[in-house]
PDB file of all heavy atoms in Angstrom:
ATOM      1  N   ILE A   1     -12.333  -2.852 -10.621  1.00  0.00           N
ATOM      2  CA  ILE A   1     -11.787  -4.128 -10.166  1.00  0.00           C
ATOM      3  C   ILE A   1     -11.731  -5.122 -11.320  1.00  0.00           C
ATOM      4  O   ILE A   1     -10.924  -6.042 -11.327  1.00  0.00           O
ATOM      5  CB  ILE A   1     -12.642  -4.697  -9.016  1.00  0.00           C
ATOM      6  CG1 ILE A   1     -12.674  -3.698  -7.850  1.00  0.00           C
ATOM      7  CG2 ILE A   1     -12.103  -6.022  -8.525  1.00  0.00           C
ATOM      8  CD1 ILE A   1     -13.580  -4.111  -6.723  1.00  0.00           C
ATOM      9  N   LEU A   2     -12.545  -4.930 -12.322  1.00  0.00           N
ATOM     10  CA  LEU A   2     -12.650  -5.897 -13.415  1.00  0.00           C
ATOM     11  C   LEU A   2     -11.370  -6.027 -14.227  1.00  0.00           C
ATOM     12  O   LEU A   2     -11.156  -7.030 -14.896  1.00  0.00           O
ATOM     13  CB  LEU A   2     -13.801  -5.507 -14.359  1.00  0.00           C
ATOM     14  CG  LEU A   2     -15.190  -5.530 -13.727  1.00  0.00           C
ATOM     15  CD1 LEU A   2     -16.223  -5.012 -14.715  1.00  0.00           C
ATOM     16  CD2 LEU A   2     -15.551  -6.934 -13.297  1.00  0.00           C
ATOM     17  N   VAL A   3     -10.531  -4.996 -14.185  1.00  0.00           N
ATOM     18  CA  VAL A   3      -9.318  -5.032 -15.003  1.00  0.00           C
ATOM     19  C   VAL A   3      -8.097  -5.483 -14.211  1.00  0.00           C
ATOM     20  O   VAL A   3      -6.975  -5.346 -14.673  1.00  0.00           O
ATOM     21  CB  VAL A   3      -9.047  -3.653 -15.631  1.00  0.00           C
ATOM     22  CG1 VAL A   3     -10.116  -3.311 -16.635  1.00  0.00           C
ATOM     23  CG2 VAL A   3      -8.943  -2.578 -14.563  1.00  0.00           C
ATOM     24  N   ALA A   4      -8.315  -6.011 -13.015  1.00  0.00           N
ATOM     25  CA  ALA A   4      -7.187  -6.489 -12.207  1.00  0.00           C
ATOM     26  C   ALA A   4      -6.723  -7.835 -12.725  1.00  0.00           C
ATOM     27  O   ALA A   4      -7.244  -8.860 -12.356  1.00  0.00           O
ATOM     28  CB  ALA A   4      -7.602  -6.605 -10.746  1.00  0.00           C
ATOM     29  N   LEU A   5      -5.740  -7.843 -13.607  1.00  0.00           N
ATOM     30  CA  LEU A   5      -5.391  -9.070 -14.316  1.00  0.00           C
ATOM     31  C   LEU A   5      -4.009  -9.610 -13.977  1.00  0.00           C
ATOM     32  O   LEU A   5      -3.842 -10.782 -13.718  1.00  0.00           O
ATOM     33  CB  LEU A   5      -5.469  -8.812 -15.835  1.00  0.00           C
ATOM     34  CG  LEU A   5      -6.855  -8.390 -16.327  1.00  0.00           C
ATOM     35  CD1 LEU A   5      -6.776  -8.076 -17.810  1.00  0.00           C
ATOM     36  CD2 LEU A   5      -7.874  -9.475 -16.072  1.00  0.00           C
ATOM     37  N   ALA A   6      -2.966  -8.796 -14.032  1.00  0.00           N
ATOM     38  CA  ALA A   6      -1.615  -9.327 -13.863  1.00  0.00           C
ATOM     39  C   ALA A   6      -0.683  -8.243 -13.392  1.00  0.00           C
ATOM     40  O   ALA A   6      -0.963  -7.060 -13.520  1.00  0.00           O
ATOM     41  CB  ALA A   6      -1.105  -9.890 -15.183  1.00  0.00           C
ATOM     42  N   GLY A   7       0.471  -8.660 -12.842  1.00  0.00           N
ATOM     43  CA  GLY A   7       1.452  -7.680 -12.413  1.00  0.00           C
ATOM     44  C   GLY A   7       2.162  -8.118 -11.158  1.00  0.00           C
ATOM     45  O   GLY A   7       1.900  -9.164 -10.594  1.00  0.00           O
ATOM     46  N   CYS A   8       3.054  -7.279 -10.671  1.00  0.00           N
ATOM     47  CA  CYS A   8       3.847  -7.624  -9.504  1.00  0.00           C
ATOM     48  C   CYS A   8       3.195  -7.076  -8.241  1.00  0.00           C
ATOM     49  O   CYS A   8       2.348  -6.209  -8.289  1.00  0.00           O
ATOM     50  CB  CYS A   8       5.250  -7.053  -9.650  1.00  0.00           C
ATOM     51  SG  CYS A   8       5.282  -5.256  -9.785  1.00  0.00           S
ATOM     52  N   ARG A   9       3.629  -7.600  -7.107  1.00  0.00           N
ATOM     53  CA  ARG A   9       3.138  -7.122  -5.814  1.00  0.00           C
ATOM     54  C   ARG A   9       3.606  -5.691  -5.621  1.00  0.00           C
ATOM     55  O   ARG A   9       4.787  -5.388  -5.759  1.00  0.00           O
ATOM     56  CB  ARG A   9       3.680  -8.014  -4.691  1.00  0.00           C
ATOM     57  CG  ARG A   9       3.356  -7.494  -3.297  1.00  0.00           C
ATOM     58  CD  ARG A   9       3.828  -8.460  -2.246  1.00  0.00           C
ATOM     59  NE  ARG A   9       3.010  -9.641  -2.211  1.00  0.00           N
ATOM     60  CZ  ARG A   9       1.918  -9.767  -1.450  1.00  0.00           C
ATOM     61  NH1 ARG A   9       1.521  -8.761  -0.699  1.00  0.00           N
ATOM     62  NH2 ARG A   9       1.222 -10.889  -1.456  1.00  0.00           N
ATOM     63  N   PRO A  10       2.686  -4.765  -5.282  1.00  0.00           N
ATOM     64  CA  PRO A  10       3.080  -3.372  -5.114  1.00  0.00           C
ATOM     65  C   PRO A  10       3.887  -3.170  -3.837  1.00  0.00           C
ATOM     66  O   PRO A  10       3.768  -3.915  -2.877  1.00  0.00           O
ATOM     67  CB  PRO A  10       1.738  -2.641  -5.023  1.00  0.00           C
ATOM     68  CG  PRO A  10       0.772  -3.668  -4.540  1.00  0.00           C
ATOM     69  CD  PRO A  10       1.250  -4.976  -5.104  1.00  0.00           C
ATOM     70  N   HIS A  11       4.687  -2.125  -3.831  1.00  0.00           N
ATOM     71  CA  HIS A  11       5.488  -1.781  -2.666  1.00  0.00           C
ATOM     72  C   HIS A  11       5.204  -0.333  -2.309  1.00  0.00           C
ATOM     73  O   HIS A  11       4.994   0.505  -3.172  1.00  0.00           O
ATOM     74  CB  HIS A  11       6.982  -1.977  -2.955  1.00  0.00           C
ATOM     75  CG  HIS A  11       7.334  -3.405  -3.246  1.00  0.00           C
ATOM     76  ND1 HIS A  11       7.557  -4.338  -2.256  1.00  0.00           N
ATOM     77  CD2 HIS A  11       7.487  -4.058  -4.426  1.00  0.00           C
ATOM     78  CE1 HIS A  11       7.834  -5.508  -2.804  1.00  0.00           C
ATOM     79  NE2 HIS A  11       7.797  -5.362  -4.118  1.00  0.00           N
ATOM     80  N   GLY A  12       5.197  -0.030  -1.028  1.00  0.00           N
ATOM     81  CA  GLY A  12       4.933   1.330  -0.598  1.00  0.00           C
ATOM     82  C   GLY A  12       5.793   1.692   0.593  1.00  0.00           C
ATOM     83  O   GLY A  12       6.686   0.957   1.009  1.00  0.00           O
ATOM     84  N   ASN A  13       5.490   2.846   1.164  1.00  0.00           N
ATOM     85  CA  ASN A  13       6.245   3.387   2.278  1.00  0.00           C
ATOM     86  C   ASN A  13       5.505   3.111   3.583  1.00  0.00           C
ATOM     87  O   ASN A  13       4.446   3.681   3.839  1.00  0.00           O
ATOM     88  CB  ASN A  13       6.427   4.898   2.074  1.00  0.00           C
ATOM     89  CG  ASN A  13       7.038   5.577   3.272  1.00  0.00           C
ATOM     90  OD1 ASN A  13       7.734   4.940   4.069  1.00  0.00           O
ATOM     91  ND2 ASN A  13       6.791   6.874   3.409  1.00  0.00           N
ATOM     92  N   THR A  14       6.061   2.270   4.417  1.00  0.00           N
ATOM     93  CA  THR A  14       5.408   1.945   5.689  1.00  0.00           C
ATOM     94  C   THR A  14       5.530   3.086   6.692  1.00  0.00           C
ATOM     95  O   THR A  14       4.906   3.039   7.749  1.00  0.00           O
ATOM     96  CB  THR A  14       6.020   0.678   6.317  1.00  0.00           C
ATOM     97  OG1 THR A  14       7.403   0.901   6.563  1.00  0.00           O
ATOM     98  CG2 THR A  14       5.841  -0.517   5.396  1.00  0.00           C
ATOM     99  N   GLN A  15       6.307   4.114   6.352  1.00  0.00           N
ATOM    100  CA  GLN A  15       6.508   5.241   7.269  1.00  0.00           C
ATOM    101  C   GLN A  15       5.668   6.455   6.888  1.00  0.00           C
ATOM    102  O   GLN A  15       5.926   7.555   7.368  1.00  0.00           O
ATOM    103  CB  GLN A  15       8.001   5.631   7.282  1.00  0.00           C
ATOM    104  CG  GLN A  15       8.937   4.499   7.636  1.00  0.00           C
ATOM    105  CD  GLN A  15       8.638   3.886   8.984  1.00  0.00           C
ATOM    106  OE1 GLN A  15       8.429   4.596   9.958  1.00  0.00           O
ATOM    107  NE2 GLN A  15       8.607   2.567   9.047  1.00  0.00           N
ATOM    108  N   ASN A  16       4.677   6.288   6.045  1.00  0.00           N
ATOM    109  CA  ASN A  16       3.803   7.403   5.657  1.00  0.00           C
ATOM    110  C   ASN A  16       3.225   8.047   6.919  1.00  0.00           C
ATOM    111  O   ASN A  16       2.574   7.385   7.720  1.00  0.00           O
ATOM    112  CB  ASN A  16       2.675   6.870   4.765  1.00  0.00           C
ATOM    113  CG  ASN A  16       1.802   7.979   4.193  1.00  0.00           C
ATOM    114  OD1 ASN A  16       1.535   8.984   4.832  1.00  0.00           O
ATOM    115  ND2 ASN A  16       1.336   7.766   2.971  1.00  0.00           N
ATOM    116  N   PRO A  17       3.455   9.348   7.136  1.00  0.00           N
ATOM    117  CA  PRO A  17       2.982   9.997   8.369  1.00  0.00           C
ATOM    118  C   PRO A  17       1.461   9.967   8.532  1.00  0.00           C
ATOM    119  O   PRO A  17       0.966  10.097   9.656  1.00  0.00           O
ATOM    120  CB  PRO A  17       3.508  11.430   8.239  1.00  0.00           C
ATOM    121  CG  PRO A  17       3.792  11.619   6.785  1.00  0.00           C
ATOM    122  CD  PRO A  17       4.213  10.277   6.276  1.00  0.00           C
ATOM    123  N   LYS A  18       0.730   9.796   7.448  1.00  0.00           N
ATOM    124  CA  LYS A  18      -0.735   9.734   7.550  1.00  0.00           C
ATOM    125  C   LYS A  18      -1.200   8.504   8.314  1.00  0.00           C
ATOM    126  O   LYS A  18      -2.316   8.470   8.814  1.00  0.00           O
ATOM    127  CB  LYS A  18      -1.349   9.747   6.151  1.00  0.00           C
ATOM    128  CG  LYS A  18      -1.114  11.034   5.376  1.00  0.00           C
ATOM    129  CD  LYS A  18      -1.704  10.964   3.983  1.00  0.00           C
ATOM    130  CE  LYS A  18      -1.443  12.237   3.203  1.00  0.00           C
ATOM    131  NZ  LYS A  18      -1.999  12.161   1.821  1.00  0.00           N
ATOM    132  N   PHE A  19      -0.342   7.505   8.379  1.00  0.00           N
ATOM    133  CA  PHE A  19      -0.694   6.272   9.078  1.00  0.00           C
ATOM    134  C   PHE A  19       0.164   6.057  10.330  1.00  0.00           C
ATOM    135  O   PHE A  19       0.184   4.970  10.886  1.00  0.00           O
ATOM    136  CB  PHE A  19      -0.537   5.077   8.134  1.00  0.00           C
ATOM    137  CG  PHE A  19      -1.289   5.238   6.848  1.00  0.00           C
ATOM    138  CD1 PHE A  19      -0.615   5.396   5.650  1.00  0.00           C
ATOM    139  CD2 PHE A  19      -2.677   5.254   6.829  1.00  0.00           C
ATOM    140  CE1 PHE A  19      -1.305   5.561   4.453  1.00  0.00           C
ATOM    141  CE2 PHE A  19      -3.372   5.408   5.644  1.00  0.00           C
ATOM    142  CZ  PHE A  19      -2.692   5.574   4.450  1.00  0.00           C
ATOM    143  N   ALA A  20       0.840   7.116  10.773  1.00  0.00           N
ATOM    144  CA  ALA A  20       1.791   6.978  11.875  1.00  0.00           C
ATOM    145  C   ALA A  20       1.109   6.508  13.155  1.00  0.00           C
ATOM    146  O   ALA A  20       1.612   5.606  13.842  1.00  0.00           O
ATOM    147  CB  ALA A  20       2.508   8.308  12.113  1.00  0.00           C
ATOM    148  N   ALA A  21      -0.031   7.105  13.485  1.00  0.00           N
ATOM    149  CA  ALA A  21      -0.721   6.730  14.723  1.00  0.00           C
ATOM    150  C   ALA A  21      -1.190   5.284  14.668  1.00  0.00           C
ATOM    151  O   ALA A  21      -1.071   4.537  15.649  1.00  0.00           O
ATOM    152  CB  ALA A  21      -1.907   7.664  14.973  1.00  0.00           C
ATOM    153  N   ALA A  22      -1.727   4.879  13.516  1.00  0.00           N
ATOM    154  CA  ALA A  22      -2.191   3.502  13.353  1.00  0.00           C
ATOM    155  C   ALA A  22      -1.031   2.527  13.425  1.00  0.00           C
ATOM    156  O   ALA A  22      -1.150   1.447  14.011  1.00  0.00           O
ATOM    157  CB  ALA A  22      -2.920   3.358  12.021  1.00  0.00           C
ATOM    158  N   ALA A  23       0.096   2.911  12.832  1.00  0.00           N
ATOM    159  CA  ALA A  23       1.277   2.051  12.855  1.00  0.00           C
ATOM    160  C   ALA A  23       1.807   1.898  14.273  1.00  0.00           C
ATOM    161  O   ALA A  23       2.156   0.797  14.707  1.00  0.00           O
ATOM    162  CB  ALA A  23       2.366   2.621  11.949  1.00  0.00           C
ATOM    163  N   GLU A  24       1.835   3.006  15.008  1.00  0.00           N
ATOM    164  CA  GLU A  24       2.337   2.950  16.382  1.00  0.00           C
ATOM    165  C   GLU A  24       1.442   2.090  17.261  1.00  0.00           C
ATOM    166  O   GLU A  24       1.926   1.345  18.120  1.00  0.00           O
ATOM    167  CB  GLU A  24       2.423   4.363  16.955  1.00  0.00           C
ATOM    168  CG  GLU A  24       3.010   4.416  18.346  1.00  0.00           C
ATOM    169  CD  GLU A  24       3.179   5.830  18.865  1.00  0.00           C
ATOM    170  OE1 GLU A  24       2.908   6.785  18.092  1.00  0.00           O
ATOM    171  OE2 GLU A  24       3.582   5.983  20.029  1.00  0.00           O
TER     172      GLU A  24
END
């Protein structure tokens, strides 16, 4: 965590099947 300094907001896939049940 100590090296968290700068950068853009990350983007990911909201349709990842591993999280399908939680998303539903």
